[in-house]
Amino acid sequence: MTTTIATNRPAALLRRVNGLADHMPYAVVALAARLFPAAVFWASGQTKLDGLSLSPSAIYLFQNEYALPLIPPELAARLATTAEHVFPVLLILGLMTRLSALALLGMTAVIQIFVYPSAWQTHGLWATCFLILIARGPGAWSLDAVLGLDRDGR
């Protein structure tokens, strides 16, 4: 009988911890899933600017290091820099969240496949955040929820 009680204590503790976690508002999870990858993409976009213009080093990177297929390097640099500024801001605000998460998930896939295939752990973390937002929505602490644009914005 002592063995059964001792064995049940870890299980009871685990059930208690799980029960407490069940009470965490999704808004907290969604806010974290929006903010942290948005900060990464924003910071990356900032490195590609020289004032308000695209930096020569950004074009160089797209010509030499990134070398995406089917798209000219200067166009790729401009599109990526724009996306790295627009979509993170939308994510932080929680506005057009699912669309922004989908766009950044697409960028993450391109980065993973064509640019840094060995960084799959980092890209997997970003992708997980974006998939949560696409599947569950922006959370209650978002403009999408406030404006009634995402009814699943719980």
N, C-alpha and C. Protein backbone atom coordinates (compact mmCIF):
# COMPACT_ATOMS: atom_id res chain seq x y z
N MET A 1 0.82 -1.20 0.00
CA MET A 1 0.00 0.00 0.00
C MET A 1 0.86 1.26 0.00
N THR A 2 1.97 1.24 0.70
CA THR A 2 2.87 2.38 0.73
C THR A 2 3.40 2.69 -0.67
N THR A 3 3.69 1.67 -1.43
CA THR A 3 4.19 1.87 -2.79
C THR A 3 3.13 2.55 -3.66
N THR A 4 1.88 2.18 -3.52
CA THR A 4 0.80 2.78 -4.31
C THR A 4 0.65 4.25 -3.97
N ILE A 5 0.71 4.59 -2.68
CA ILE A 5 0.59 5.99 -2.28
C ILE A 5 1.78 6.79 -2.81
N ALA A 6 3.00 6.24 -2.68
CA ALA A 6 4.19 6.94 -3.16
C ALA A 6 4.14 7.11 -4.68
N THR A 7 3.64 6.13 -5.39
CA THR A 7 3.55 6.22 -6.84
C THR A 7 2.50 7.23 -7.26
N ASN A 8 1.46 7.36 -6.50
CA ASN A 8 0.38 8.29 -6.84
C ASN A 8 0.75 9.74 -6.56
N ARG A 9 1.69 9.98 -5.67
CA ARG A 9 2.06 11.37 -5.35
C ARG A 9 2.59 12.12 -6.58
N PRO A 10 3.53 11.55 -7.33
CA PRO A 10 3.98 12.26 -8.54
C PRO A 10 2.84 12.47 -9.53
N ALA A 11 1.99 11.47 -9.68
CA ALA A 11 0.86 11.61 -10.60
C ALA A 11 -0.10 12.70 -10.13
N ALA A 12 -0.34 12.74 -8.81
CA ALA A 12 -1.24 13.76 -8.26
C ALA A 12 -0.65 15.15 -8.44
N LEU A 13 0.66 15.26 -8.22
CA LEU A 13 1.33 16.54 -8.42
C LEU A 13 1.25 16.98 -9.87
N LEU A 14 1.49 16.03 -10.77
CA LEU A 14 1.41 16.34 -12.20
C LEU A 14 0.00 16.78 -12.58
N ARG A 15 -1.02 16.09 -12.09
CA ARG A 15 -2.41 16.50 -12.37
C ARG A 15 -2.69 17.90 -11.83
N ARG A 16 -2.13 18.21 -10.67
CA ARG A 16 -2.34 19.54 -10.07
C ARG A 16 -1.68 20.63 -10.92
N VAL A 17 -0.45 20.38 -11.35
CA VAL A 17 0.26 21.34 -12.21
C VAL A 17 -0.50 21.51 -13.53
N ASN A 18 -0.93 20.39 -14.11
CA ASN A 18 -1.71 20.46 -15.35
C ASN A 18 -3.00 21.23 -15.16
N GLY A 19 -3.65 21.03 -14.03
CA GLY A 19 -4.88 21.77 -13.73
C GLY A 19 -4.64 23.26 -13.64
N LEU A 20 -3.52 23.64 -13.02
CA LEU A 20 -3.19 25.08 -12.93
C LEU A 20 -2.91 25.64 -14.32
N ALA A 21 -2.19 24.88 -15.14
CA ALA A 21 -1.87 25.34 -16.50
C ALA A 21 -3.14 25.49 -17.35
N ASP A 22 -4.14 24.65 -17.07
CA ASP A 22 -5.41 24.76 -17.79
C ASP A 22 -6.08 26.11 -17.60
N HIS A 23 -5.74 26.80 -16.52
CA HIS A 23 -6.36 28.09 -16.22
C HIS A 23 -5.60 29.28 -16.82
N MET A 24 -4.47 29.00 -17.48
CA MET A 24 -3.73 30.09 -18.12
C MET A 24 -4.55 30.59 -19.31
N PRO A 25 -4.81 31.88 -19.35
CA PRO A 25 -5.59 32.41 -20.48
C PRO A 25 -4.82 32.26 -21.79
N TYR A 26 -5.54 31.88 -22.83
CA TYR A 26 -4.92 31.77 -24.15
C TYR A 26 -4.35 33.11 -24.59
N ALA A 27 -4.93 34.20 -24.13
CA ALA A 27 -4.42 35.53 -24.49
C ALA A 27 -2.94 35.68 -24.15
N VAL A 28 -2.50 35.08 -23.05
CA VAL A 28 -1.09 35.14 -22.65
C VAL A 28 -0.22 34.36 -23.64
N VAL A 29 -0.67 33.16 -23.99
CA VAL A 29 0.06 32.32 -24.94
C VAL A 29 0.14 33.02 -26.30
N ALA A 30 -0.99 33.53 -26.77
CA ALA A 30 -1.04 34.18 -28.08
C ALA A 30 -0.16 35.44 -28.11
N LEU A 31 -0.18 36.20 -27.02
CA LEU A 31 0.64 37.41 -26.98
C LEU A 31 2.12 37.04 -27.10
N ALA A 32 2.56 36.01 -26.37
CA ALA A 32 3.96 35.56 -26.48
C ALA A 32 4.26 35.06 -27.89
N ALA A 33 3.33 34.31 -28.47
CA ALA A 33 3.53 33.77 -29.83
C ALA A 33 3.57 34.88 -30.86
N ARG A 34 2.94 36.01 -30.56
CA ARG A 34 3.00 37.16 -31.48
C ARG A 34 4.26 37.99 -31.26
N LEU A 35 4.61 38.28 -30.01
CA LEU A 35 5.68 39.23 -29.72
C LEU A 35 7.08 38.71 -30.03
N PHE A 36 7.39 37.50 -29.59
CA PHE A 36 8.78 37.05 -29.69
C PHE A 36 9.26 36.84 -31.11
N PRO A 37 8.52 36.13 -31.97
CA PRO A 37 9.02 36.04 -33.35
C PRO A 37 8.94 37.38 -34.08
N ALA A 38 7.97 38.23 -33.72
CA ALA A 38 7.89 39.55 -34.35
C ALA A 38 9.17 40.34 -34.07
N ALA A 39 9.67 40.24 -32.84
CA ALA A 39 10.90 40.96 -32.48
C ALA A 39 12.08 40.48 -33.32
N VAL A 40 12.15 39.17 -33.57
CA VAL A 40 13.24 38.61 -34.37
C VAL A 40 13.19 39.14 -35.81
N PHE A 41 12.00 39.10 -36.41
CA PHE A 41 11.87 39.55 -37.80
C PHE A 41 12.08 41.06 -37.91
N TRP A 42 11.57 41.83 -36.95
CA TRP A 42 11.77 43.29 -36.96
C TRP A 42 13.27 43.60 -36.90
N ALA A 43 13.99 42.95 -35.98
CA ALA A 43 15.43 43.20 -35.84
C ALA A 43 16.17 42.84 -37.14
N SER A 44 15.77 41.76 -37.77
CA SER A 44 16.38 41.38 -39.04
C SER A 44 16.12 42.43 -40.11
N GLY A 45 14.91 42.94 -40.17
CA GLY A 45 14.57 43.99 -41.13
C GLY A 45 15.37 45.26 -40.89
N GLN A 46 15.59 45.59 -39.64
CA GLN A 46 16.35 46.80 -39.31
C GLN A 46 17.79 46.72 -39.80
N THR A 47 18.36 45.51 -39.82
CA THR A 47 19.75 45.37 -40.28
C THR A 47 19.88 45.60 -41.78
N LYS A 48 18.77 45.57 -42.49
CA LYS A 48 18.79 45.74 -43.95
C LYS A 48 18.57 47.18 -44.39
N LEU A 49 18.41 48.07 -43.43
CA LEU A 49 18.15 49.47 -43.75
C LEU A 49 19.36 50.35 -43.47
N ASP A 50 19.48 51.38 -44.30
CA ASP A 50 20.42 52.46 -44.07
C ASP A 50 19.57 53.72 -44.06
N GLY A 51 19.17 54.15 -42.88
CA GLY A 51 18.18 55.22 -42.78
C GLY A 51 16.84 54.65 -43.21
N LEU A 52 16.23 55.26 -44.21
CA LEU A 52 14.97 54.77 -44.74
C LEU A 52 15.14 54.01 -46.05
N SER A 53 16.39 53.81 -46.45
CA SER A 53 16.68 53.12 -47.71
C SER A 53 17.24 51.73 -47.45
N LEU A 54 17.12 50.90 -48.46
CA LEU A 54 17.72 49.57 -48.41
C LEU A 54 19.23 49.73 -48.43
N SER A 55 19.90 49.05 -47.52
CA SER A 55 21.36 49.19 -47.44
C SER A 55 22.04 48.38 -48.54
N PRO A 56 23.18 48.85 -49.01
CA PRO A 56 23.94 48.08 -50.00
C PRO A 56 24.33 46.69 -49.48
N SER A 57 24.56 46.59 -48.18
CA SER A 57 24.93 45.28 -47.62
C SER A 57 23.77 44.29 -47.70
N ALA A 58 22.54 44.79 -47.63
CA ALA A 58 21.38 43.90 -47.76
C ALA A 58 21.32 43.32 -49.17
N ILE A 59 21.54 44.17 -50.15
CA ILE A 59 21.53 43.69 -51.54
C ILE A 59 22.67 42.70 -51.75
N TYR A 60 23.82 43.00 -51.18
CA TYR A 60 24.97 42.10 -51.27
C TYR A 60 24.61 40.72 -50.69
N LEU A 61 23.98 40.72 -49.53
CA LEU A 61 23.59 39.44 -48.91
C LEU A 61 22.68 38.63 -49.82
N PHE A 62 21.71 39.30 -50.43
CA PHE A 62 20.78 38.59 -51.30
C PHE A 62 21.44 38.15 -52.60
N GLN A 63 22.49 38.85 -53.02
CA GLN A 63 23.22 38.44 -54.23
C GLN A 63 24.15 37.26 -53.96
N ASN A 64 24.74 37.24 -52.77
CA ASN A 64 25.83 36.29 -52.52
C ASN A 64 25.52 35.21 -51.48
N GLU A 65 24.94 35.57 -50.37
CA GLU A 65 24.72 34.58 -49.31
C GLU A 65 23.35 33.93 -49.41
N TYR A 66 22.33 34.70 -49.65
CA TYR A 66 20.97 34.16 -49.65
C TYR A 66 20.62 33.52 -50.99
N ALA A 67 20.94 34.17 -52.09
CA ALA A 67 20.78 33.63 -53.44
C ALA A 67 19.52 32.80 -53.64
N LEU A 68 18.38 33.43 -53.52
CA LEU A 68 17.11 32.74 -53.73
C LEU A 68 16.88 32.46 -55.21
N PRO A 69 16.26 31.33 -55.52
CA PRO A 69 15.98 31.05 -56.93
C PRO A 69 14.78 31.84 -57.42
N LEU A 70 14.73 32.10 -58.70
CA LEU A 70 13.56 32.66 -59.39
C LEU A 70 13.23 34.11 -59.08
N ILE A 71 14.03 34.80 -58.30
CA ILE A 71 13.71 36.19 -57.97
C ILE A 71 15.01 36.99 -57.94
N PRO A 72 15.03 38.14 -58.61
CA PRO A 72 16.25 38.96 -58.62
C PRO A 72 16.62 39.40 -57.19
N PRO A 73 17.91 39.43 -56.89
CA PRO A 73 18.35 39.74 -55.52
C PRO A 73 17.84 41.08 -54.98
N GLU A 74 17.83 42.13 -55.81
CA GLU A 74 17.38 43.43 -55.31
C GLU A 74 15.89 43.40 -54.95
N LEU A 75 15.11 42.75 -55.79
CA LEU A 75 13.68 42.61 -55.51
C LEU A 75 13.46 41.77 -54.25
N ALA A 76 14.19 40.67 -54.12
CA ALA A 76 14.08 39.82 -52.94
C ALA A 76 14.43 40.60 -51.68
N ALA A 77 15.49 41.41 -51.75
CA ALA A 77 15.91 42.21 -50.60
C ALA A 77 14.83 43.22 -50.21
N ARG A 78 14.24 43.88 -51.20
CA ARG A 78 13.18 44.86 -50.92
C ARG A 78 11.93 44.19 -50.34
N LEU A 79 11.54 43.08 -50.93
CA LEU A 79 10.34 42.37 -50.44
C LEU A 79 10.55 41.85 -49.03
N ALA A 80 11.71 41.25 -48.79
CA ALA A 80 11.98 40.70 -47.45
C ALA A 80 12.04 41.81 -46.41
N THR A 81 12.69 42.91 -46.74
CA THR A 81 12.80 44.02 -45.79
C THR A 81 11.44 44.62 -45.48
N THR A 82 10.63 44.76 -46.49
CA THR A 82 9.27 45.27 -46.28
C THR A 82 8.47 44.32 -45.41
N ALA A 83 8.52 43.04 -45.73
CA ALA A 83 7.78 42.04 -44.96
C ALA A 83 8.26 41.98 -43.52
N GLU A 84 9.57 42.14 -43.31
CA GLU A 84 10.12 42.08 -41.96
C GLU A 84 9.75 43.31 -41.12
N HIS A 85 9.21 44.31 -41.74
CA HIS A 85 8.73 45.47 -41.00
C HIS A 85 7.21 45.49 -40.87
N VAL A 86 6.51 45.15 -41.92
CA VAL A 86 5.04 45.22 -41.91
C VAL A 86 4.43 44.12 -41.05
N PHE A 87 4.78 42.86 -41.31
CA PHE A 87 4.12 41.76 -40.62
C PHE A 87 4.42 41.70 -39.12
N PRO A 88 5.63 42.00 -38.66
CA PRO A 88 5.85 42.04 -37.21
C PRO A 88 5.01 43.12 -36.51
N VAL A 89 4.88 44.28 -37.14
CA VAL A 89 4.05 45.33 -36.53
C VAL A 89 2.60 44.85 -36.42
N LEU A 90 2.10 44.23 -37.49
CA LEU A 90 0.74 43.71 -37.46
C LEU A 90 0.60 42.63 -36.39
N LEU A 91 1.60 41.77 -36.24
CA LEU A 91 1.53 40.74 -35.20
C LEU A 91 1.51 41.36 -33.81
N ILE A 92 2.36 42.33 -33.57
CA ILE A 92 2.40 42.96 -32.26
C ILE A 92 1.06 43.60 -31.93
N LEU A 93 0.47 44.25 -32.91
CA LEU A 93 -0.85 44.86 -32.70
C LEU A 93 -1.96 43.83 -32.63
N GLY A 94 -1.70 42.66 -33.15
CA GLY A 94 -2.75 41.65 -33.23
C GLY A 94 -3.77 42.02 -34.29
N LEU A 95 -3.30 42.58 -35.37
CA LEU A 95 -4.17 43.01 -36.47
C LEU A 95 -3.82 42.19 -37.71
N MET A 96 -4.84 41.58 -38.31
CA MET A 96 -4.62 40.67 -39.43
C MET A 96 -3.61 39.59 -39.02
N THR A 97 -3.80 39.08 -37.83
CA THR A 97 -2.84 38.19 -37.19
C THR A 97 -2.62 36.90 -37.97
N ARG A 98 -3.71 36.24 -38.35
CA ARG A 98 -3.54 34.94 -39.03
C ARG A 98 -2.84 35.13 -40.38
N LEU A 99 -3.19 36.17 -41.11
CA LEU A 99 -2.54 36.46 -42.39
C LEU A 99 -1.06 36.78 -42.18
N SER A 100 -0.75 37.59 -41.19
CA SER A 100 0.64 37.96 -40.90
C SER A 100 1.44 36.74 -40.48
N ALA A 101 0.86 35.89 -39.65
CA ALA A 101 1.54 34.67 -39.22
C ALA A 101 1.78 33.75 -40.41
N LEU A 102 0.81 33.67 -41.30
CA LEU A 102 0.97 32.84 -42.50
C LEU A 102 2.09 33.38 -43.40
N ALA A 103 2.15 34.69 -43.56
CA ALA A 103 3.21 35.31 -44.37
C ALA A 103 4.59 35.04 -43.76
N LEU A 104 4.70 35.20 -42.44
CA LEU A 104 5.99 34.97 -41.80
C LEU A 104 6.34 33.48 -41.74
N LEU A 105 5.33 32.62 -41.69
CA LEU A 105 5.58 31.19 -41.79
C LEU A 105 6.15 30.86 -43.18
N GLY A 106 5.62 31.49 -44.21
CA GLY A 106 6.15 31.32 -45.56
C GLY A 106 7.59 31.80 -45.65
N MET A 107 7.87 32.97 -45.06
CA MET A 107 9.26 33.47 -45.06
C MET A 107 10.17 32.50 -44.31
N THR A 108 9.68 31.98 -43.20
CA THR A 108 10.46 31.02 -42.42
C THR A 108 10.79 29.78 -43.25
N ALA A 109 9.83 29.31 -44.01
CA ALA A 109 10.05 28.14 -44.87
C ALA A 109 11.11 28.44 -45.94
N VAL A 110 11.04 29.63 -46.54
CA VAL A 110 12.04 30.02 -47.54
C VAL A 110 13.43 30.10 -46.91
N ILE A 111 13.50 30.71 -45.74
CA ILE A 111 14.79 30.82 -45.04
C ILE A 111 15.33 29.42 -44.73
N GLN A 112 14.46 28.54 -44.25
CA GLN A 112 14.88 27.19 -43.89
C GLN A 112 15.36 26.41 -45.11
N ILE A 113 14.60 26.47 -46.18
CA ILE A 113 14.91 25.65 -47.36
C ILE A 113 16.09 26.19 -48.16
N PHE A 114 16.12 27.51 -48.39
CA PHE A 114 17.10 28.07 -49.33
C PHE A 114 18.28 28.80 -48.69
N VAL A 115 18.13 29.26 -47.46
CA VAL A 115 19.16 30.12 -46.89
C VAL A 115 19.97 29.42 -45.79
N TYR A 116 19.30 28.99 -44.72
CA TYR A 116 19.98 28.38 -43.59
C TYR A 116 19.33 27.05 -43.21
N PRO A 117 19.53 26.02 -44.03
CA PRO A 117 18.87 24.74 -43.75
C PRO A 117 19.33 24.07 -42.45
N SER A 118 20.49 24.42 -41.95
CA SER A 118 20.96 23.79 -40.71
C SER A 118 20.37 24.44 -39.46
N ALA A 119 19.63 25.52 -39.61
CA ALA A 119 19.04 26.22 -38.46
C ALA A 119 17.60 25.79 -38.21
N TRP A 120 17.31 24.52 -38.44
CA TRP A 120 15.94 24.04 -38.34
C TRP A 120 15.36 24.15 -36.94
N GLN A 121 16.20 24.11 -35.90
CA GLN A 121 15.67 24.24 -34.53
C GLN A 121 15.07 25.63 -34.31
N THR A 122 15.81 26.64 -34.70
CA THR A 122 15.33 28.02 -34.57
C THR A 122 14.08 28.24 -35.42
N HIS A 123 14.15 27.80 -36.66
CA HIS A 123 13.01 27.99 -37.56
C HIS A 123 11.81 27.19 -37.08
N GLY A 124 12.05 26.05 -36.47
CA GLY A 124 10.96 25.26 -35.91
C GLY A 124 10.24 25.99 -34.78
N LEU A 125 11.00 26.71 -33.96
CA LEU A 125 10.38 27.51 -32.89
C LEU A 125 9.52 28.63 -33.47
N TRP A 126 10.04 29.32 -34.47
CA TRP A 126 9.26 30.37 -35.11
C TRP A 126 8.00 29.78 -35.73
N ALA A 127 8.18 28.68 -36.46
CA ALA A 127 7.04 28.05 -37.13
C ALA A 127 5.97 27.62 -36.13
N THR A 128 6.39 27.12 -34.98
CA THR A 128 5.43 26.71 -33.96
C THR A 128 4.59 27.90 -33.50
N CYS A 129 5.23 29.02 -33.26
CA CYS A 129 4.48 30.23 -32.86
C CYS A 129 3.48 30.61 -33.95
N PHE A 130 3.92 30.61 -35.19
CA PHE A 130 3.03 31.00 -36.29
C PHE A 130 1.89 30.00 -36.46
N LEU A 131 2.17 28.72 -36.31
CA LEU A 131 1.12 27.71 -36.45
C LEU A 131 0.07 27.84 -35.34
N ILE A 132 0.51 28.16 -34.13
CA ILE A 132 -0.43 28.40 -33.03
C ILE A 132 -1.36 29.55 -33.40
N LEU A 133 -0.80 30.63 -33.90
CA LEU A 133 -1.60 31.81 -34.25
C LEU A 133 -2.53 31.54 -35.42
N ILE A 134 -2.06 30.80 -36.39
CA ILE A 134 -2.91 30.47 -37.54
C ILE A 134 -4.06 29.58 -37.10
N ALA A 135 -3.76 28.59 -36.26
CA ALA A 135 -4.78 27.63 -35.83
C ALA A 135 -5.75 28.18 -34.79
N ARG A 136 -5.24 28.96 -33.84
CA ARG A 136 -6.07 29.38 -32.71
C ARG A 136 -6.44 30.86 -32.72
N GLY A 137 -5.76 31.66 -33.52
CA GLY A 137 -6.08 33.08 -33.60
C GLY A 137 -5.21 33.94 -32.70
N PRO A 138 -5.48 35.23 -32.68
CA PRO A 138 -4.60 36.21 -32.05
C PRO A 138 -4.73 36.34 -30.54
N GLY A 139 -5.78 35.80 -29.97
CA GLY A 139 -6.03 35.98 -28.54
C GLY A 139 -6.85 37.23 -28.27
N ALA A 140 -7.35 37.29 -27.05
CA ALA A 140 -8.24 38.39 -26.66
C ALA A 140 -7.53 39.74 -26.60
N TRP A 141 -6.22 39.73 -26.37
CA TRP A 141 -5.47 40.97 -26.27
C TRP A 141 -4.91 41.33 -27.65
N SER A 142 -5.82 41.59 -28.58
CA SER A 142 -5.42 41.90 -29.95
C SER A 142 -6.44 42.85 -30.56
N LEU A 143 -6.01 43.60 -31.55
CA LEU A 143 -6.95 44.46 -32.27
C LEU A 143 -7.96 43.63 -33.06
N ASP A 144 -7.53 42.47 -33.54
CA ASP A 144 -8.47 41.59 -34.23
C ASP A 144 -9.67 41.27 -33.34
N ALA A 145 -9.40 40.95 -32.07
CA ALA A 145 -10.48 40.62 -31.13
C ALA A 145 -11.30 41.86 -30.79
N VAL A 146 -10.63 42.97 -30.52
CA VAL A 146 -11.32 44.20 -30.15
C VAL A 146 -12.23 44.69 -31.27
N LEU A 147 -11.75 44.58 -32.50
CA LEU A 147 -12.51 45.06 -33.66
C LEU A 147 -13.47 44.01 -34.21
N GLY A 148 -13.49 42.83 -33.60
CA GLY A 148 -14.37 41.78 -34.06
C GLY A 148 -13.97 41.17 -35.39
N LEU A 149 -12.68 41.25 -35.73
CA LEU A 149 -12.20 40.73 -37.01
C LEU A 149 -11.85 39.25 -36.94
N ASP A 150 -11.71 38.73 -35.73
CA ASP A 150 -11.40 37.32 -35.57
C ASP A 150 -12.22 36.79 -34.41
N ARG A 151 -13.27 36.08 -34.73
CA ARG A 151 -14.18 35.64 -33.68
C ARG A 151 -13.56 34.58 -32.78
N ASP A 152 -12.45 33.97 -33.24
CA ASP A 152 -11.75 33.01 -32.41
C ASP A 152 -10.61 33.70 -31.65
N GLY A 153 -10.68 34.99 -31.49
CA GLY A 153 -9.61 35.74 -30.85
C GLY A 153 -9.58 35.61 -29.35
N ARG A 154 -10.14 34.55 -28.80
CA ARG A 154 -10.23 34.36 -27.35
C ARG A 154 -8.95 34.67 -26.64
